[in-house]
Amino acid sequence: MLKRRLRSPIHGRTARWVGTTMSLLLRPQAIGGPAPVPSHFSRPFWDGCVLGELRIIRCVNCSQAIADAPRICWRCHSRELQWEVAIGGATLYSWSVVWRPQTTDFEVPYAVGIVTLDEGIQLVSGLVGCEPGDLAEGMALAVEFHPISEELSLHYFHPVVGATGENLKRGFPDA
């Protein structure tokens, strides 16, 4: 039986430019790169991104917030669902920094994270506005949008210094 011993986190990476003044600031992907293909059910979400709105679905019957675009509420099985605009605050749950992209269309490094919205649901999104080593579990984030084509914009989350996701609802940082 094969055993693997891990003595430190796998996500640590020493780059050849460590110690130089080169910045590894996480940035949005360039216009013209790979883009999602909206479905009939997810179209309102992507239309909201173009307008600078992060949209989620809420069940009219039980008020459950839902991140994806279902046809039925997973909690009460109601078909009465409506789109609403999310507050835009979140906390970082998990992430991965990509150094070797699947295609050359992506600029590295880039980070993909699972964020927990203030509404209580989780969403996969790009992370921008900080260096890869600055990412931390529980980090307060806010949403921003960047165009990927004339018809689509992607949602990204950036760190909010001195604020928690809960306080973004009230519009002011922690004291």
Foldseek 3Di string as FASTA:
>chain_A
DDDDDDDDDPQDDDDPCPPHPDAQFADDAAAPFDDDDDDPQCVVQFQCLVVWFHKWKAAPPPRQTHRDRDCADPPPRHRRIDIDTALFKWFFADKHWDDDDPDPSGDPGWMWTWIQAPSGDTDIFTEGDGHPVPDDGGFMWGWGWDHRYPRGIGIYIYGDPQAHRVCVSVPDGDD
